[in-house]
N, C-alpha and C. Protein backbone atom coordinates (compact mmCIF):
# COMPACT_ATOMS: atom_id res chain seq x y z
N MET A 1 16.80 3.64 16.97
CA MET A 1 15.38 3.59 17.23
C MET A 1 14.58 3.98 15.98
N LYS A 2 15.10 4.97 15.24
CA LYS A 2 14.41 5.42 14.03
C LYS A 2 14.43 4.31 12.96
N LYS A 3 15.56 3.60 12.84
CA LYS A 3 15.64 2.51 11.87
C LYS A 3 14.68 1.39 12.26
N PHE A 4 14.56 1.12 13.55
CA PHE A 4 13.64 0.09 14.04
C PHE A 4 12.21 0.44 13.63
N PHE A 5 11.85 1.70 13.78
CA PHE A 5 10.51 2.16 13.39
C PHE A 5 10.30 1.98 11.89
N HIS A 6 11.29 2.37 11.08
CA HIS A 6 11.16 2.26 9.63
C HIS A 6 11.06 0.81 9.18
N TYR A 7 11.86 -0.07 9.79
CA TYR A 7 11.78 -1.49 9.44
C TYR A 7 10.44 -2.08 9.87
N GLY A 8 9.96 -1.69 11.04
CA GLY A 8 8.66 -2.16 11.50
C GLY A 8 7.55 -1.69 10.58
N LEU A 9 7.64 -0.44 10.16
CA LEU A 9 6.65 0.10 9.23
C LEU A 9 6.70 -0.64 7.90
N LEU A 10 7.90 -0.92 7.41
CA LEU A 10 8.05 -1.65 6.15
C LEU A 10 7.48 -3.06 6.26
N ILE A 11 7.72 -3.73 7.38
CA ILE A 11 7.18 -5.07 7.58
C ILE A 11 5.65 -5.02 7.67
N GLY A 12 5.11 -4.02 8.39
CA GLY A 12 3.66 -3.88 8.50
C GLY A 12 3.00 -3.61 7.16
N ILE A 13 3.58 -2.72 6.38
CA ILE A 13 3.03 -2.40 5.05
C ILE A 13 3.13 -3.62 4.13
N SER A 14 4.24 -4.34 4.21
CA SER A 14 4.39 -5.55 3.39
C SER A 14 3.35 -6.60 3.77
N GLY A 15 3.10 -6.76 5.07
CA GLY A 15 2.09 -7.71 5.53
C GLY A 15 0.71 -7.33 5.03
N LEU A 16 0.38 -6.03 5.11
CA LEU A 16 -0.91 -5.57 4.59
C LEU A 16 -1.02 -5.78 3.08
N ALA A 17 0.09 -5.56 2.38
CA ALA A 17 0.08 -5.76 0.93
C ALA A 17 -0.21 -7.22 0.60
N VAL A 18 0.39 -8.14 1.33
CA VAL A 18 0.13 -9.56 1.11
C VAL A 18 -1.34 -9.86 1.40
N LEU A 19 -1.86 -9.31 2.50
CA LEU A 19 -3.26 -9.52 2.86
C LEU A 19 -4.19 -9.00 1.77
N PHE A 20 -3.92 -7.78 1.28
CA PHE A 20 -4.75 -7.20 0.24
C PHE A 20 -4.58 -7.93 -1.09
N PHE A 21 -3.42 -8.53 -1.33
CA PHE A 21 -3.21 -9.28 -2.55
C PHE A 21 -4.03 -10.57 -2.53
N ILE A 22 -4.02 -11.25 -1.39
CA ILE A 22 -4.68 -12.55 -1.27
C ILE A 22 -6.20 -12.41 -1.16
N LEU A 23 -6.65 -11.46 -0.33
CA LEU A 23 -8.09 -11.33 -0.06
C LEU A 23 -8.67 -10.12 -0.76
N ASP A 24 -9.76 -10.32 -1.44
CA ASP A 24 -10.47 -9.23 -2.12
C ASP A 24 -11.41 -8.55 -1.12
N PRO A 25 -11.22 -7.26 -0.84
CA PRO A 25 -12.06 -6.56 0.14
C PRO A 25 -13.55 -6.58 -0.18
N SER A 26 -13.91 -6.78 -1.44
CA SER A 26 -15.33 -6.83 -1.77
C SER A 26 -15.96 -8.17 -1.41
N GLU A 27 -15.13 -9.16 -1.10
CA GLU A 27 -15.64 -10.50 -0.79
C GLU A 27 -15.48 -10.89 0.68
N TYR A 28 -14.61 -10.23 1.40
CA TYR A 28 -14.33 -10.60 2.79
C TYR A 28 -14.71 -9.46 3.73
N ASN A 29 -15.32 -9.81 4.86
CA ASN A 29 -15.79 -8.81 5.83
C ASN A 29 -14.75 -8.43 6.87
N ILE A 30 -13.51 -8.88 6.73
CA ILE A 30 -12.49 -8.53 7.73
C ILE A 30 -11.98 -7.10 7.54
N PHE A 31 -12.25 -6.53 6.39
CA PHE A 31 -11.79 -5.18 6.10
C PHE A 31 -12.80 -4.16 6.63
N PRO A 32 -12.32 -3.05 7.17
CA PRO A 32 -13.26 -2.05 7.71
C PRO A 32 -14.09 -1.40 6.61
N ARG A 33 -15.31 -1.08 6.94
CA ARG A 33 -16.21 -0.38 6.03
C ARG A 33 -16.16 1.11 6.31
N CYS A 34 -16.52 1.89 5.33
CA CYS A 34 -16.49 3.36 5.46
C CYS A 34 -17.65 3.80 6.36
N ILE A 35 -17.31 4.42 7.47
CA ILE A 35 -18.31 4.91 8.42
C ILE A 35 -19.17 6.00 7.77
N PHE A 36 -18.54 6.89 7.01
CA PHE A 36 -19.27 7.98 6.36
C PHE A 36 -20.34 7.41 5.43
N HIS A 37 -19.97 6.41 4.63
CA HIS A 37 -20.92 5.81 3.70
C HIS A 37 -22.04 5.06 4.44
N LEU A 38 -21.68 4.38 5.51
CA LEU A 38 -22.69 3.65 6.29
C LEU A 38 -23.71 4.61 6.92
N LEU A 39 -23.25 5.78 7.36
CA LEU A 39 -24.14 6.73 8.02
C LEU A 39 -24.95 7.59 7.06
N THR A 40 -24.35 7.93 5.91
CA THR A 40 -24.99 8.89 5.01
C THR A 40 -25.41 8.31 3.66
N SER A 41 -24.89 7.18 3.29
CA SER A 41 -25.03 6.55 1.98
C SER A 41 -24.38 7.37 0.86
N TYR A 42 -23.58 8.35 1.22
CA TYR A 42 -22.76 9.09 0.25
C TYR A 42 -21.34 8.53 0.29
N TYR A 43 -20.62 8.71 -0.82
CA TYR A 43 -19.25 8.22 -0.90
C TYR A 43 -18.27 9.30 -0.46
N CYS A 44 -17.32 8.92 0.37
CA CYS A 44 -16.25 9.84 0.76
C CYS A 44 -15.14 9.74 -0.30
N PRO A 45 -14.13 10.60 -0.27
CA PRO A 45 -13.06 10.51 -1.26
C PRO A 45 -12.27 9.20 -1.21
N GLY A 46 -12.32 8.52 -0.07
CA GLY A 46 -11.56 7.28 0.07
C GLY A 46 -12.34 6.02 -0.23
N CYS A 47 -13.65 6.14 -0.40
CA CYS A 47 -14.47 4.95 -0.67
C CYS A 47 -13.96 4.23 -1.92
N GLY A 48 -13.76 2.95 -1.81
CA GLY A 48 -13.26 2.14 -2.92
C GLY A 48 -11.76 1.98 -2.91
N SER A 49 -11.06 2.63 -1.97
CA SER A 49 -9.59 2.57 -1.96
C SER A 49 -9.06 1.18 -1.61
N GLN A 50 -9.75 0.47 -0.73
CA GLN A 50 -9.28 -0.88 -0.39
C GLN A 50 -9.36 -1.80 -1.60
N ARG A 51 -10.45 -1.70 -2.34
CA ARG A 51 -10.57 -2.50 -3.56
C ARG A 51 -9.59 -2.02 -4.62
N ALA A 52 -9.29 -0.71 -4.62
CA ALA A 52 -8.31 -0.18 -5.56
C ALA A 52 -6.92 -0.72 -5.24
N ILE A 53 -6.59 -0.85 -3.96
CA ILE A 53 -5.30 -1.43 -3.57
C ILE A 53 -5.22 -2.87 -4.07
N HIS A 54 -6.29 -3.63 -3.85
CA HIS A 54 -6.34 -5.02 -4.31
C HIS A 54 -6.14 -5.08 -5.84
N SER A 55 -6.82 -4.21 -6.56
CA SER A 55 -6.70 -4.19 -8.03
C SER A 55 -5.29 -3.78 -8.46
N LEU A 56 -4.72 -2.79 -7.78
CA LEU A 56 -3.37 -2.35 -8.13
C LEU A 56 -2.35 -3.46 -7.91
N LEU A 57 -2.48 -4.19 -6.81
CA LEU A 57 -1.56 -5.28 -6.54
C LEU A 57 -1.68 -6.41 -7.56
N HIS A 58 -2.84 -6.50 -8.22
CA HIS A 58 -3.04 -7.49 -9.29
C HIS A 58 -2.82 -6.86 -10.66
N LEU A 59 -2.27 -5.64 -10.68
CA LEU A 59 -1.97 -4.90 -11.91
C LEU A 59 -3.20 -4.70 -12.79
N ASP A 60 -4.35 -4.54 -12.15
CA ASP A 60 -5.62 -4.31 -12.83
C ASP A 60 -5.92 -2.81 -12.78
N LEU A 61 -5.37 -2.06 -13.73
CA LEU A 61 -5.54 -0.61 -13.73
C LEU A 61 -7.01 -0.21 -13.92
N TYR A 62 -7.73 -0.96 -14.73
CA TYR A 62 -9.16 -0.66 -14.91
C TYR A 62 -9.91 -0.82 -13.58
N GLY A 63 -9.57 -1.82 -12.81
CA GLY A 63 -10.18 -2.03 -11.50
C GLY A 63 -9.88 -0.89 -10.55
N VAL A 64 -8.66 -0.37 -10.60
CA VAL A 64 -8.28 0.77 -9.76
C VAL A 64 -9.14 1.97 -10.13
N ILE A 65 -9.23 2.27 -11.41
CA ILE A 65 -10.00 3.41 -11.89
C ILE A 65 -11.48 3.24 -11.56
N GLU A 66 -11.99 2.03 -11.69
CA GLU A 66 -13.39 1.75 -11.44
C GLU A 66 -13.76 1.96 -9.96
N ASN A 67 -12.83 1.66 -9.06
CA ASN A 67 -13.12 1.75 -7.63
C ASN A 67 -12.83 3.13 -7.04
N ASN A 68 -11.74 3.76 -7.43
CA ASN A 68 -11.43 5.09 -6.93
C ASN A 68 -10.36 5.71 -7.81
N ILE A 69 -10.78 6.55 -8.74
CA ILE A 69 -9.84 7.14 -9.70
C ILE A 69 -8.85 8.08 -9.02
N LEU A 70 -9.21 8.63 -7.86
CA LEU A 70 -8.31 9.52 -7.14
C LEU A 70 -7.16 8.75 -6.49
N PHE A 71 -7.27 7.44 -6.44
CA PHE A 71 -6.22 6.60 -5.85
C PHE A 71 -4.94 6.67 -6.69
N ILE A 72 -5.07 6.78 -8.00
CA ILE A 72 -3.89 6.83 -8.88
C ILE A 72 -3.05 8.08 -8.62
N PRO A 73 -3.65 9.29 -8.61
CA PRO A 73 -2.82 10.46 -8.29
C PRO A 73 -2.23 10.39 -6.89
N ALA A 74 -2.97 9.80 -5.94
CA ALA A 74 -2.44 9.69 -4.57
C ALA A 74 -1.18 8.83 -4.55
N VAL A 75 -1.22 7.70 -5.24
CA VAL A 75 -0.03 6.83 -5.31
C VAL A 75 1.11 7.55 -6.03
N LEU A 76 0.80 8.26 -7.10
CA LEU A 76 1.84 8.99 -7.83
C LEU A 76 2.47 10.09 -6.98
N ILE A 77 1.67 10.75 -6.15
CA ILE A 77 2.21 11.78 -5.26
C ILE A 77 3.15 11.16 -4.23
N ILE A 78 2.76 10.03 -3.67
CA ILE A 78 3.62 9.34 -2.71
C ILE A 78 4.92 8.90 -3.38
N LEU A 79 4.81 8.33 -4.57
CA LEU A 79 6.02 7.92 -5.30
C LEU A 79 6.91 9.13 -5.61
N TYR A 80 6.29 10.23 -6.03
CA TYR A 80 7.05 11.46 -6.32
C TYR A 80 7.83 11.91 -5.08
N HIS A 81 7.19 11.85 -3.93
CA HIS A 81 7.83 12.29 -2.69
C HIS A 81 9.14 11.54 -2.45
N TYR A 82 9.14 10.23 -2.67
CA TYR A 82 10.35 9.43 -2.43
C TYR A 82 11.32 9.48 -3.60
N ILE A 83 10.80 9.46 -4.83
CA ILE A 83 11.68 9.50 -6.00
C ILE A 83 12.40 10.84 -6.07
N HIS A 84 11.73 11.92 -5.67
CA HIS A 84 12.35 13.25 -5.69
C HIS A 84 13.61 13.25 -4.83
N LYS A 85 13.53 12.70 -3.63
CA LYS A 85 14.69 12.63 -2.74
C LYS A 85 15.82 11.81 -3.36
N ILE A 86 15.47 10.68 -3.94
CA ILE A 86 16.47 9.78 -4.53
C ILE A 86 17.14 10.45 -5.73
N LEU A 87 16.35 11.07 -6.61
CA LEU A 87 16.91 11.74 -7.80
C LEU A 87 17.80 12.91 -7.40
N ASN A 88 17.39 13.69 -6.41
CA ASN A 88 18.24 14.79 -5.95
C ASN A 88 19.56 14.27 -5.42
N ARG A 89 19.53 13.14 -4.72
CA ARG A 89 20.75 12.57 -4.15
C ARG A 89 21.63 11.99 -5.25
N ILE A 90 21.04 11.24 -6.19
CA ILE A 90 21.82 10.59 -7.25
C ILE A 90 22.40 11.61 -8.22
N LEU A 91 21.57 12.57 -8.63
CA LEU A 91 22.00 13.57 -9.61
C LEU A 91 22.67 14.78 -8.99
N ASN A 92 22.79 14.77 -7.66
CA ASN A 92 23.41 15.87 -6.92
C ASN A 92 22.73 17.21 -7.23
N LEU A 93 21.39 17.19 -7.19
CA LEU A 93 20.60 18.39 -7.44
C LEU A 93 19.99 18.88 -6.13
N LYS A 94 19.49 20.09 -6.15
CA LYS A 94 18.80 20.66 -5.00
C LYS A 94 17.43 21.20 -5.42
N LEU A 95 16.72 20.44 -6.25
CA LEU A 95 15.40 20.87 -6.71
C LEU A 95 14.41 20.80 -5.56
N PRO A 96 13.58 21.83 -5.40
CA PRO A 96 12.60 21.81 -4.30
C PRO A 96 11.51 20.78 -4.56
N ASN A 97 10.98 20.23 -3.49
CA ASN A 97 9.88 19.28 -3.58
C ASN A 97 8.59 20.09 -3.66
N ILE A 98 7.84 19.95 -4.75
CA ILE A 98 6.64 20.76 -4.94
C ILE A 98 5.56 20.44 -3.91
N LEU A 99 5.67 19.31 -3.25
CA LEU A 99 4.69 18.97 -2.21
C LEU A 99 4.83 19.86 -0.99
N TYR A 100 5.96 20.51 -0.83
CA TYR A 100 6.19 21.36 0.33
C TYR A 100 6.05 22.85 0.01
N LEU A 101 5.53 23.17 -1.16
CA LEU A 101 5.27 24.57 -1.47
C LEU A 101 4.06 25.05 -0.68
N LYS A 102 3.96 26.35 -0.49
CA LYS A 102 2.93 26.94 0.38
C LYS A 102 1.50 26.57 -0.02
N ASN A 103 1.18 26.58 -1.31
CA ASN A 103 -0.20 26.38 -1.76
C ASN A 103 -0.55 24.92 -2.09
N THR A 104 0.43 24.04 -2.09
CA THR A 104 0.18 22.65 -2.46
C THR A 104 -0.89 21.98 -1.60
N PRO A 105 -0.85 22.09 -0.27
CA PRO A 105 -1.91 21.46 0.53
C PRO A 105 -3.30 21.98 0.19
N TRP A 106 -3.42 23.27 -0.09
CA TRP A 106 -4.72 23.85 -0.43
C TRP A 106 -5.22 23.32 -1.77
N ILE A 107 -4.31 23.19 -2.73
CA ILE A 107 -4.69 22.67 -4.05
C ILE A 107 -5.16 21.22 -3.91
N ILE A 108 -4.43 20.43 -3.14
CA ILE A 108 -4.83 19.03 -2.92
C ILE A 108 -6.18 18.97 -2.22
N LEU A 109 -6.39 19.82 -1.22
CA LEU A 109 -7.67 19.85 -0.50
C LEU A 109 -8.83 20.20 -1.44
N VAL A 110 -8.64 21.19 -2.29
CA VAL A 110 -9.68 21.59 -3.25
C VAL A 110 -10.01 20.44 -4.20
N ILE A 111 -8.98 19.75 -4.69
CA ILE A 111 -9.19 18.61 -5.59
C ILE A 111 -9.99 17.52 -4.89
N ILE A 112 -9.64 17.23 -3.63
CA ILE A 112 -10.34 16.19 -2.88
C ILE A 112 -11.79 16.57 -2.65
N VAL A 113 -12.05 17.83 -2.27
CA VAL A 113 -13.43 18.26 -2.01
C VAL A 113 -14.26 18.24 -3.30
N ILE A 114 -13.69 18.69 -4.40
CA ILE A 114 -14.40 18.66 -5.69
C ILE A 114 -14.72 17.22 -6.08
N PHE A 115 -13.75 16.33 -5.92
CA PHE A 115 -13.96 14.91 -6.21
C PHE A 115 -15.07 14.34 -5.33
N TRP A 116 -15.04 14.70 -4.04
CA TRP A 116 -16.04 14.23 -3.08
C TRP A 116 -17.45 14.64 -3.51
N ILE A 117 -17.59 15.87 -3.95
CA ILE A 117 -18.90 16.37 -4.39
C ILE A 117 -19.33 15.70 -5.69
N LEU A 118 -18.43 15.68 -6.66
CA LEU A 118 -18.79 15.15 -7.99
C LEU A 118 -19.14 13.67 -7.95
N ARG A 119 -18.44 12.87 -7.13
CA ARG A 119 -18.71 11.43 -7.14
C ARG A 119 -20.05 11.09 -6.51
N ASN A 120 -20.67 12.05 -5.85
CA ASN A 120 -21.98 11.81 -5.24
C ASN A 120 -23.13 12.39 -6.05
N LEU A 121 -22.83 13.00 -7.20
CA LEU A 121 -23.90 13.50 -8.08
C LEU A 121 -24.45 12.36 -8.91
N PRO A 122 -25.76 12.18 -8.91
CA PRO A 122 -26.36 11.07 -9.66
C PRO A 122 -26.56 11.41 -11.14
N ILE A 123 -25.58 12.07 -11.72
CA ILE A 123 -25.67 12.53 -13.11
C ILE A 123 -24.48 11.94 -13.88
N TYR A 124 -24.76 11.41 -15.07
CA TYR A 124 -23.68 10.94 -15.93
C TYR A 124 -22.85 12.13 -16.38
N PRO A 125 -21.57 12.12 -16.37
CA PRO A 125 -20.62 11.04 -16.13
C PRO A 125 -20.12 10.98 -14.68
N PHE A 126 -20.64 11.87 -13.82
CA PHE A 126 -20.12 11.93 -12.45
C PHE A 126 -20.45 10.67 -11.65
N ASP A 127 -21.53 10.00 -11.99
CA ASP A 127 -21.87 8.78 -11.27
C ASP A 127 -20.85 7.66 -11.52
N LEU A 128 -20.03 7.81 -12.55
CA LEU A 128 -18.96 6.85 -12.81
C LEU A 128 -17.84 6.97 -11.76
N LEU A 129 -17.77 8.09 -11.06
CA LEU A 129 -16.74 8.29 -10.05
C LEU A 129 -17.02 7.52 -8.77
N ALA A 130 -18.25 7.05 -8.59
CA ALA A 130 -18.61 6.27 -7.40
C ALA A 130 -18.04 4.86 -7.57
N PRO A 131 -17.66 4.22 -6.46
CA PRO A 131 -17.12 2.86 -6.55
C PRO A 131 -18.14 1.91 -7.15
N SER A 132 -17.63 0.85 -7.75
CA SER A 132 -18.52 -0.10 -8.41
C SER A 132 -19.30 -0.96 -7.42
N PHE A 133 -18.80 -1.09 -6.18
CA PHE A 133 -19.48 -1.86 -5.14
C PHE A 133 -19.67 -0.96 -3.93
N SER A 134 -20.62 -1.26 -3.09
CA SER A 134 -20.81 -0.51 -1.84
C SER A 134 -19.65 -0.80 -0.91
N THR A 135 -19.28 0.21 -0.10
CA THR A 135 -18.19 0.02 0.84
C THR A 135 -18.68 -0.35 2.20
């Protein structure tokens, strides 16, 4: 049952990746819009992530940075989580995963909140943190 779930998840993620590769979220209305931005006109930490996914799938690093610079560390953290397990298994190590340390969630939360505040300041260079298009 667990393998069925993992394969289903893999198929679902692959399907979404194909969808995001083919369709640009800034041009098509089938993608959900950010409720926070629609209600407040402020950007949440995730605003621009759909366009960042599209840019990443097209290997457009500048586009990723332009839409949501916090997307890059998020992807790297996810990759670290899986690569850490694989490296420990291959190299026969028992290194702890830093994502599971006591203070890691708090550090990530502080970074997200600071990013959330800074990207909504209408002052250069912080205004560069806002997505290039409305969400």
